């Protein structure tokens, strides 16, 4: 799921020039290397923090995910006792 989110962010970034990124929702720390950040948190056993960063990547950029990834997000949120975040489904 984090791989999908990172891929969609990279695809969006590839469609614009660096000057077009400045000041947009993609001009934030932790997006270009978001997958590595999530993996580092998981490796350290920080599952809740990894999930929080993953949500940041998806929600801040308004990217859509496959229905199976959205289901994963909803189930993970429920398991952590969190409300289900609104994540658009890719068509």
PDB file of N, CA and C in Angstrom:
ATOM      1  N   UNK A   1       0.815  -1.188   0.000  1.00  0.00           N
ATOM      2  CA  UNK A   1       0.000   0.000   0.000  1.00  0.00           C
ATOM      3  C   UNK A   1       0.862   1.256   0.000  1.00  0.00           C
ATOM      4  N   UNK A   2       1.890   1.291   0.815  1.00  0.00           N
ATOM      5  CA  UNK A   2       2.779   2.455   0.813  1.00  0.00           C
ATOM      6  C   UNK A   2       3.503   2.575  -0.523  1.00  0.00           C
ATOM      7  N   UNK A   3       3.804   1.434  -1.134  1.00  0.00           N
ATOM      8  CA  UNK A   3       4.444   1.445  -2.449  1.00  0.00           C
ATOM      9  C   UNK A   3       3.515   2.068  -3.477  1.00  0.00           C
ATOM     10  N   UNK A   4       2.237   1.720  -3.417  1.00  0.00           N
ATOM     11  CA  UNK A   4       1.260   2.306  -4.338  1.00  0.00           C
ATOM     12  C   UNK A   4       1.157   3.815  -4.127  1.00  0.00           C
ATOM     13  N   UNK A   5       1.073   4.242  -2.891  1.00  0.00           N
ATOM     14  CA  UNK A   5       0.978   5.675  -2.597  1.00  0.00           C
ATOM     15  C   UNK A   5       2.211   6.411  -3.115  1.00  0.00           C
ATOM     16  N   UNK A   6       3.401   5.854  -2.862  1.00  0.00           N
ATOM     17  CA  UNK A   6       4.631   6.500  -3.317  1.00  0.00           C
ATOM     18  C   UNK A   6       4.669   6.564  -4.841  1.00  0.00           C
ATOM     19  N   UNK A   7       4.259   5.515  -5.493  1.00  0.00           N
ATOM     20  CA  UNK A   7       4.247   5.483  -6.958  1.00  0.00           C
ATOM     21  C   UNK A   7       3.313   6.543  -7.529  1.00  0.00           C
ATOM     22  N   UNK A   8       2.150   6.699  -6.934  1.00  0.00           N
ATOM     23  CA  UNK A   8       1.191   7.700  -7.419  1.00  0.00           C
ATOM     24  C   UNK A   8       1.699   9.127  -7.165  1.00  0.00           C
ATOM     25  N   UNK A   9       2.377   9.330  -6.052  1.00  0.00           N
ATOM     26  CA  UNK A   9       2.966  10.644  -5.771  1.00  0.00           C
ATOM     27  C   UNK A   9       4.064  10.935  -6.795  1.00  0.00           C
ATOM     28  N   UNK A  10       4.919   9.964  -7.045  1.00  0.00           N
ATOM     29  CA  UNK A  10       5.991  10.154  -8.019  1.00  0.00           C
ATOM     30  C   UNK A  10       5.439  10.408  -9.419  1.00  0.00           C
ATOM     31  N   UNK A  11       4.359   9.712  -9.795  1.00  0.00           N
ATOM     32  CA  UNK A  11       3.723   9.945 -11.094  1.00  0.00           C
ATOM     33  C   UNK A  11       3.212  11.380 -11.197  1.00  0.00           C
ATOM     34  N   UNK A  12       2.593  11.854 -10.131  1.00  0.00           N
ATOM     35  CA  UNK A  12       2.079  13.225 -10.130  1.00  0.00           C
ATOM     36  C   UNK A  12       3.220  14.233 -10.217  1.00  0.00           C
ATOM     37  N   UNK A  13       4.304  13.981  -9.503  1.00  0.00           N
ATOM     38  CA  UNK A  13       5.451  14.882  -9.523  1.00  0.00           C
ATOM     39  C   UNK A  13       6.137  14.894 -10.895  1.00  0.00           C
ATOM     40  N   UNK A  14       6.127  13.770 -11.569  1.00  0.00           N
ATOM     41  CA  UNK A  14       6.789  13.674 -12.872  1.00  0.00           C
ATOM     42  C   UNK A  14       6.065  14.488 -13.945  1.00  0.00           C
ATOM     43  N   UNK A  15       4.818  14.818 -13.714  1.00  0.00           N
ATOM     44  CA  UNK A  15       4.030  15.547 -14.707  1.00  0.00           C
ATOM     45  C   UNK A  15       4.186  17.061 -14.602  1.00  0.00           C
ATOM     46  N   UNK A  16       4.950  17.532 -13.625  1.00  0.00           N
ATOM     47  CA  UNK A  16       5.117  18.971 -13.446  1.00  0.00           C
ATOM     48  C   UNK A  16       6.592  19.323 -13.293  1.00  0.00           C
ATOM     49  N   UNK A  17       6.905  20.577 -13.548  1.00  0.00           N
ATOM     50  CA  UNK A  17       8.286  21.033 -13.373  1.00  0.00           C
ATOM     51  C   UNK A  17       8.515  21.382 -11.899  1.00  0.00           C
ATOM     52  N   UNK A  18       9.771  21.410 -11.471  1.00  0.00           N
ATOM     53  CA  UNK A  18      10.054  21.772 -10.073  1.00  0.00           C
ATOM     54  C   UNK A  18       9.445  23.120  -9.672  1.00  0.00           C
ATOM     55  N   UNK A  19       9.441  24.082 -10.584  1.00  0.00           N
ATOM     56  CA  UNK A  19       8.868  25.387 -10.233  1.00  0.00           C
ATOM     57  C   UNK A  19       7.361  25.307 -10.056  1.00  0.00           C
ATOM     58  N   UNK A  20       6.707  24.358 -10.717  1.00  0.00           N
ATOM     59  CA  UNK A  20       5.259  24.188 -10.565  1.00  0.00           C
ATOM     60  C   UNK A  20       4.908  23.485  -9.251  1.00  0.00           C
ATOM     61  N   UNK A  21       5.855  22.760  -8.687  1.00  0.00           N
ATOM     62  CA  UNK A  21       5.630  22.046  -7.427  1.00  0.00           C
ATOM     63  C   UNK A  21       5.664  23.006  -6.246  1.00  0.00           C
ATOM     64  N   UNK A  22       6.524  24.024  -6.341  1.00  0.00           N
ATOM     65  CA  UNK A  22       6.716  24.963  -5.235  1.00  0.00           C
ATOM     66  C   UNK A  22       5.392  25.588  -4.804  1.00  0.00           C
ATOM     67  N   UNK A  23       5.102  25.472  -3.523  1.00  0.00           N
ATOM     68  CA  UNK A  23       3.891  26.062  -2.949  1.00  0.00           C
ATOM     69  C   UNK A  23       2.641  25.216  -3.114  1.00  0.00           C
ATOM     70  N   UNK A  24       2.761  24.000  -3.702  1.00  0.00           N
ATOM     71  CA  UNK A  24       1.598  23.138  -3.871  1.00  0.00           C
ATOM     72  C   UNK A  24       1.554  22.091  -2.767  1.00  0.00           C
ATOM     73  N   UNK A  25       0.522  21.266  -2.800  1.00  0.00           N
ATOM     74  CA  UNK A  25       0.385  20.207  -1.808  1.00  0.00           C
ATOM     75  C   UNK A  25       1.525  19.190  -1.878  1.00  0.00           C
ATOM     76  N   UNK A  26       2.245  19.149  -3.007  1.00  0.00           N
ATOM     77  CA  UNK A  26       3.361  18.219  -3.146  1.00  0.00           C
ATOM     78  C   UNK A  26       4.675  18.799  -2.632  1.00  0.00           C
ATOM     79  N   UNK A  27       4.676  20.056  -2.243  1.00  0.00           N
ATOM     80  CA  UNK A  27       5.874  20.736  -1.763  1.00  0.00           C
ATOM     81  C   UNK A  27       5.962  20.589  -0.245  1.00  0.00           C
ATOM     82  N   UNK A  28       6.081  19.346   0.217  1.00  0.00           N
ATOM     83  CA  UNK A  28       6.105  19.074   1.647  1.00  0.00           C
ATOM     84  C   UNK A  28       7.168  18.014   1.953  1.00  0.00           C
ATOM     85  N   UNK A  29       7.758  18.140   3.109  1.00  0.00           N
ATOM     86  CA  UNK A  29       8.736  17.162   3.565  1.00  0.00           C
ATOM     87  C   UNK A  29       8.032  15.817   3.760  1.00  0.00           C
ATOM     88  N   UNK A  30       8.687  14.750   3.396  1.00  0.00           N
ATOM     89  CA  UNK A  30       8.157  13.421   3.660  1.00  0.00           C
ATOM     90  C   UNK A  30       7.318  12.833   2.552  1.00  0.00           C
ATOM     91  N   UNK A  31       7.223  13.510   1.414  1.00  0.00           N
ATOM     92  CA  UNK A  31       6.458  12.950   0.310  1.00  0.00           C
ATOM     93  C   UNK A  31       7.363  12.236  -0.693  1.00  0.00           C
ATOM     94  N   UNK A  32       8.437  12.875  -1.088  1.00  0.00           N
ATOM     95  CA  UNK A  32       9.334  12.250  -2.074  1.00  0.00           C
ATOM     96  C   UNK A  32       9.979  10.977  -1.533  1.00  0.00           C
ATOM     97  N   UNK A  33      10.228  10.930  -0.231  1.00  0.00           N
ATOM     98  CA  UNK A  33      10.829   9.747   0.384  1.00  0.00           C
ATOM     99  C   UNK A  33       9.869   9.084   1.374  1.00  0.00           C
ATOM    100  N   UNK A  34       8.582   9.245   1.121  1.00  0.00           N
ATOM    101  CA  UNK A  34       7.568   8.726   2.041  1.00  0.00           C
ATOM    102  C   UNK A  34       7.634   7.232   2.259  1.00  0.00           C
ATOM    103  N   UNK A  35       7.880   6.473   1.200  1.00  0.00           N
ATOM    104  CA  UNK A  35       7.961   5.019   1.337  1.00  0.00           C
ATOM    105  C   UNK A  35       9.087   4.629   2.278  1.00  0.00           C
ATOM    106  N   UNK A  36      10.240   5.255   2.127  1.00  0.00           N
ATOM    107  CA  UNK A  36      11.368   4.953   3.009  1.00  0.00           C
ATOM    108  C   UNK A  36      11.036   5.290   4.458  1.00  0.00           C
ATOM    109  N   UNK A  37      10.347   6.393   4.669  1.00  0.00           N
ATOM    110  CA  UNK A  37       9.963   6.789   6.023  1.00  0.00           C
ATOM    111  C   UNK A  37       9.030   5.746   6.631  1.00  0.00           C
ATOM    112  N   UNK A  38       8.032   5.325   5.860  1.00  0.00           N
ATOM    113  CA  UNK A  38       7.092   4.296   6.346  1.00  0.00           C
ATOM    114  C   UNK A  38       7.852   3.009   6.660  1.00  0.00           C
ATOM    115  N   UNK A  39       8.726   2.593   5.766  1.00  0.00           N
ATOM    116  CA  UNK A  39       9.505   1.367   5.996  1.00  0.00           C
ATOM    117  C   UNK A  39      10.377   1.477   7.238  1.00  0.00           C
ATOM    118  N   UNK A  40      10.996   2.630   7.451  1.00  0.00           N
ATOM    119  CA  UNK A  40      11.824   2.827   8.641  1.00  0.00           C
ATOM    120  C   UNK A  40      10.999   2.698   9.918  1.00  0.00           C
ATOM    121  N   UNK A  41       9.819   3.312   9.937  1.00  0.00           N
ATOM    122  CA  UNK A  41       8.948   3.195  11.113  1.00  0.00           C
ATOM    123  C   UNK A  41       8.530   1.740  11.345  1.00  0.00           C
ATOM    124  N   UNK A  42       8.196   1.037  10.272  1.00  0.00           N
ATOM    125  CA  UNK A  42       7.793  -0.364  10.412  1.00  0.00           C
ATOM    126  C   UNK A  42       8.946  -1.205  10.945  1.00  0.00           C
ATOM    127  N   UNK A  43      10.128  -0.970  10.425  1.00  0.00           N
ATOM    128  CA  UNK A  43      11.311  -1.706  10.871  1.00  0.00           C
ATOM    129  C   UNK A  43      11.570  -1.478  12.362  1.00  0.00           C
ATOM    130  N   UNK A  44      11.239  -0.275  12.850  1.00  0.00           N
ATOM    131  CA  UNK A  44      11.438   0.055  14.262  1.00  0.00           C
ATOM    132  C   UNK A  44      10.248  -0.354  15.137  1.00  0.00           C
ATOM    133  N   UNK A  45       9.245  -1.013  14.538  1.00  0.00           N
ATOM    134  CA  UNK A  45       8.084  -1.460  15.303  1.00  0.00           C
ATOM    135  C   UNK A  45       7.098  -0.348  15.620  1.00  0.00           C
ATOM    136  N   UNK A  46       7.208   0.771  14.938  1.00  0.00           N
ATOM    137  CA  UNK A  46       6.324   1.922  15.155  1.00  0.00           C
ATOM    138  C   UNK A  46       5.167   1.882  14.150  1.00  0.00           C
ATOM    139  N   UNK A  47       4.285   0.901  14.316  1.00  0.00           N
ATOM    140  CA  UNK A  47       3.227   0.660  13.332  1.00  0.00           C
ATOM    141  C   UNK A  47       2.236   1.817  13.233  1.00  0.00           C
ATOM    142  N   UNK A  48       1.862   2.370  14.364  1.00  0.00           N
ATOM    143  CA  UNK A  48       0.921   3.494  14.357  1.00  0.00           C
ATOM    144  C   UNK A  48       1.505   4.721  13.686  1.00  0.00           C
ATOM    145  N   UNK A  49       2.781   4.990  13.928  1.00  0.00           N
ATOM    146  CA  UNK A  49       3.438   6.138  13.310  1.00  0.00           C
ATOM    147  C   UNK A  49       3.587   5.898  11.806  1.00  0.00           C
ATOM    148  N   UNK A  50       3.897   4.669  11.412  1.00  0.00           N
ATOM    149  CA  UNK A  50       4.000   4.331   9.989  1.00  0.00           C
ATOM    150  C   UNK A  50       2.657   4.552   9.306  1.00  0.00           C
ATOM    151  N   UNK A  51       1.591   4.117   9.942  1.00  0.00           N
ATOM    152  CA  UNK A  51       0.258   4.298   9.369  1.00  0.00           C
ATOM    153  C   UNK A  51      -0.092   5.784   9.291  1.00  0.00           C
ATOM    154  N   UNK A  52       0.254   6.535  10.306  1.00  0.00           N
ATOM    155  CA  UNK A  52      -0.001   7.975  10.309  1.00  0.00           C
ATOM    156  C   UNK A  52       0.732   8.653   9.153  1.00  0.00           C
ATOM    157  N   UNK A  53       1.972   8.276   8.909  1.00  0.00           N
ATOM    158  CA  UNK A  53       2.722   8.878   7.809  1.00  0.00           C
ATOM    159  C   UNK A  53       2.120   8.479   6.463  1.00  0.00           C
ATOM    160  N   UNK A  54       1.692   7.244   6.356  1.00  0.00           N
ATOM    161  CA  UNK A  54       1.038   6.789   5.135  1.00  0.00           C
ATOM    162  C   UNK A  54      -0.227   7.597   4.861  1.00  0.00           C
ATOM    163  N   UNK A  55      -1.014   7.833   5.892  1.00  0.00           N
ATOM    164  CA  UNK A  55      -2.220   8.662   5.729  1.00  0.00           C
ATOM    165  C   UNK A  55      -1.854  10.078   5.323  1.00  0.00           C
ATOM    166  N   UNK A  56      -0.804  10.616   5.912  1.00  0.00           N
ATOM    167  CA  UNK A  56      -0.328  11.950   5.532  1.00  0.00           C
ATOM    168  C   UNK A  56      -0.016  11.991   4.038  1.00  0.00           C
ATOM    169  N   UNK A  57       0.685  10.982   3.542  1.00  0.00           N
ATOM    170  CA  UNK A  57       1.049  10.931   2.131  1.00  0.00           C
ATOM    171  C   UNK A  57      -0.192  10.936   1.237  1.00  0.00           C
ATOM    172  N   UNK A  58      -1.186  10.186   1.616  1.00  0.00           N
ATOM    173  CA  UNK A  58      -2.388  10.039   0.792  1.00  0.00           C
ATOM    174  C   UNK A  58      -3.304  11.245   0.922  1.00  0.00           C
ATOM    175  N   UNK A  59      -3.579  11.658   2.126  1.00  0.00           N
ATOM    176  CA  UNK A  59      -4.561  12.727   2.360  1.00  0.00           C
ATOM    177  C   UNK A  59      -4.035  14.087   1.916  1.00  0.00           C
ATOM    178  N   UNK A  60      -2.784  14.383   2.224  1.00  0.00           N
ATOM    179  CA  UNK A  60      -2.238  15.690   1.860  1.00  0.00           C
ATOM    180  C   UNK A  60      -2.140  15.896   0.360  1.00  0.00           C
ATOM    181  N   UNK A  61      -1.953  14.816  -0.391  1.00  0.00           N
ATOM    182  CA  UNK A  61      -1.788  14.938  -1.843  1.00  0.00           C
ATOM    183  C   UNK A  61      -3.074  14.662  -2.611  1.00  0.00           C
ATOM    184  N   UNK A  62      -4.111  14.205  -1.929  1.00  0.00           N
ATOM    185  CA  UNK A  62      -5.393  13.867  -2.572  1.00  0.00           C
ATOM    186  C   UNK A  62      -5.242  12.790  -3.636  1.00  0.00           C
ATOM    187  N   UNK A  63      -4.280  11.892  -3.471  1.00  0.00           N
ATOM    188  CA  UNK A  63      -4.147  10.816  -4.447  1.00  0.00           C
ATOM    189  C   UNK A  63      -5.235   9.776  -4.195  1.00  0.00           C
ATOM    190  N   UNK A  64      -5.577   9.057  -5.224  1.00  0.00           N
ATOM    191  CA  UNK A  64      -6.545   7.973  -5.089  1.00  0.00           C
ATOM    192  C   UNK A  64      -5.784   6.653  -5.058  1.00  0.00           C
ATOM    193  N   UNK A  65      -6.397   5.660  -4.448  1.00  0.00           N
ATOM    194  CA  UNK A  65      -5.789   4.339  -4.310  1.00  0.00           C
ATOM    195  C   UNK A  65      -6.736   3.282  -4.852  1.00  0.00           C
ATOM    196  N   UNK A  66      -6.209   2.104  -5.101  1.00  0.00           N
ATOM    197  CA  UNK A  66      -7.055   0.998  -5.528  1.00  0.00           C
ATOM    198  C   UNK A  66      -8.035   0.657  -4.409  1.00  0.00           C
ATOM    199  N   UNK A  67      -9.106  -0.010  -4.781  1.00  0.00           N
ATOM    200  CA  UNK A  67     -10.113  -0.360  -3.769  1.00  0.00           C
ATOM    201  C   UNK A  67      -9.536  -1.280  -2.704  1.00  0.00           C
ATOM    202  N   UNK A  68      -8.613  -2.159  -3.070  1.00  0.00           N
ATOM    203  CA  UNK A  68      -8.019  -3.044  -2.063  1.00  0.00           C
ATOM    204  C   UNK A  68      -7.145  -2.256  -1.087  1.00  0.00           C
ATOM    205  N   UNK A  69      -6.468  -1.227  -1.559  1.00  0.00           N
ATOM    206  CA  UNK A  69      -5.657  -0.391  -0.666  1.00  0.00           C
ATOM    207  C   UNK A  69      -6.539   0.449   0.247  1.00  0.00           C
ATOM    208  N   UNK A  70      -7.640   0.961  -0.292  1.00  0.00           N
ATOM    209  CA  UNK A  70      -8.572   1.722   0.543  1.00  0.00           C
ATOM    210  C   UNK A  70      -9.144   0.817   1.632  1.00  0.00           C
ATOM    211  N   UNK A  71      -9.484  -0.418   1.282  1.00  0.00           N
ATOM    212  CA  UNK A  71      -9.984  -1.367   2.276  1.00  0.00           C
ATOM    213  C   UNK A  71      -8.927  -1.626   3.346  1.00  0.00           C
ATOM    214  N   UNK A  72      -7.665  -1.772   2.941  1.00  0.00           N
ATOM    215  CA  UNK A  72      -6.576  -1.951   3.897  1.00  0.00           C
ATOM    216  C   UNK A  72      -6.493  -0.769   4.856  1.00  0.00           C
ATOM    217  N   UNK A  73      -6.586   0.441   4.326  1.00  0.00           N
ATOM    218  CA  UNK A  73      -6.536   1.647   5.158  1.00  0.00           C
ATOM    219  C   UNK A  73      -7.688   1.638   6.159  1.00  0.00           C
ATOM    220  N   UNK A  74      -8.876   1.327   5.687  1.00  0.00           N
ATOM    221  CA  UNK A  74     -10.050   1.307   6.575  1.00  0.00           C
ATOM    222  C   UNK A  74      -9.913   0.242   7.661  1.00  0.00           C
ATOM    223  N   UNK A  75      -9.459  -0.946   7.289  1.00  0.00           N
ATOM    224  CA  UNK A  75      -9.302  -2.027   8.267  1.00  0.00           C
ATOM    225  C   UNK A  75      -8.190  -1.717   9.272  1.00  0.00           C
ATOM    226  N   UNK A  76      -7.111  -1.116   8.801  1.00  0.00           N
ATOM    227  CA  UNK A  76      -6.013  -0.762   9.702  1.00  0.00           C
ATOM    228  C   UNK A  76      -6.457   0.322  10.680  1.00  0.00           C
ATOM    229  N   UNK A  77      -7.175   1.309  10.180  1.00  0.00           N
ATOM    230  CA  UNK A  77      -7.691   2.365  11.060  1.00  0.00           C
ATOM    231  C   UNK A  77      -8.594   1.760  12.129  1.00  0.00           C
ATOM    232  N   UNK A  78      -9.479   0.859  11.729  1.00  0.00           N
ATOM    233  CA  UNK A  78     -10.384   0.221  12.693  1.00  0.00           C
ATOM    234  C   UNK A  78      -9.596  -0.570  13.733  1.00  0.00           C
ATOM    235  N   UNK A  79      -8.571  -1.295  13.294  1.00  0.00           N
ATOM    236  CA  UNK A  79      -7.764  -2.087  14.223  1.00  0.00           C
ATOM    237  C   UNK A  79      -7.024  -1.200  15.220  1.00  0.00           C
ATOM    238  N   UNK A  80      -6.696   0.020  14.793  1.00  0.00           N
ATOM    239  CA  UNK A  80      -6.013   0.962  15.680  1.00  0.00           C
ATOM    240  C   UNK A  80      -6.989   1.826  16.479  1.00  0.00           C
ATOM    241  N   UNK A  81      -8.287   1.577  16.292  1.00  0.00           N
ATOM    242  CA  UNK A  81      -9.294   2.346  17.013  1.00  0.00           C
ATOM    243  C   UNK A  81      -9.473   3.755  16.485  1.00  0.00           C
ATOM    244  N   UNK A  82      -9.157   3.949  15.211  1.00  0.00           N
ATOM    245  CA  UNK A  82      -9.266   5.269  14.583  1.00  0.00           C
ATOM    246  C   UNK A  82     -10.449   5.299  13.620  1.00  0.00           C
ATOM    247  N   UNK A  83     -11.005   6.486  13.391  1.00  0.00           N
ATOM    248  CA  UNK A  83     -12.061   6.577  12.386  1.00  0.00           C
ATOM    249  C   UNK A  83     -11.467   6.325  10.993  1.00  0.00           C
ATOM    250  N   UNK A  84     -12.279   5.785  10.115  1.00  0.00           N
ATOM    251  CA  UNK A  84     -11.808   5.515   8.751  1.00  0.00           C
ATOM    252  C   UNK A  84     -11.569   6.827   8.020  1.00  0.00           C
ATOM    253  N   UNK A  85     -10.391   7.022   7.482  1.00  0.00           N
ATOM    254  CA  UNK A  85     -10.111   8.251   6.727  1.00  0.00           C
ATOM    255  C   UNK A  85     -10.793   8.204   5.359  1.00  0.00           C
ATOM    256  N   UNK A  86     -11.017   9.375   4.794  1.00  0.00           N
ATOM    257  CA  UNK A  86     -11.608   9.452   3.464  1.00  0.00           C
ATOM    258  C   UNK A  86     -10.489   9.374   2.438  1.00  0.00           C
ATOM    259  N   UNK A  87     -10.456   8.287   1.718  1.00  0.00           N
ATOM    260  CA  UNK A  87      -9.445   8.067   0.689  1.00  0.00           C
ATOM    261  C   UNK A  87     -10.171   7.781  -0.611  1.00  0.00           C
ATOM    262  N   UNK A  88      -9.924   8.578  -1.661  1.00  0.00           N
ATOM    263  CA  UNK A  88     -10.587   8.330  -2.938  1.00  0.00           C
ATOM    264  C   UNK A  88     -10.122   7.027  -3.576  1.00  0.00           C
ATOM    265  N   UNK A  89     -11.052   6.339  -4.226  1.00  0.00           N
ATOM    266  CA  UNK A  89     -10.747   5.090  -4.931  1.00  0.00           C
ATOM    267  C   UNK A  89     -10.440   5.408  -6.383  1.00  0.00           C
ATOM    268  N   UNK A  90      -9.336   4.858  -6.875  1.00  0.00           N
ATOM    269  CA  UNK A  90      -8.945   5.046  -8.277  1.00  0.00           C
ATOM    270  C   UNK A  90      -9.881   4.257  -9.167  1.00  0.00           C
ATOM    271  N   UNK A  91     -10.193   4.821 -10.308  1.00  0.00           N
ATOM    272  CA  UNK A  91     -11.075   4.131 -11.256  1.00  0.00           C
ATOM    273  C   UNK A  91     -10.341   3.785 -12.514  1.00  0.00           C
TER     274      UNK A  91
END
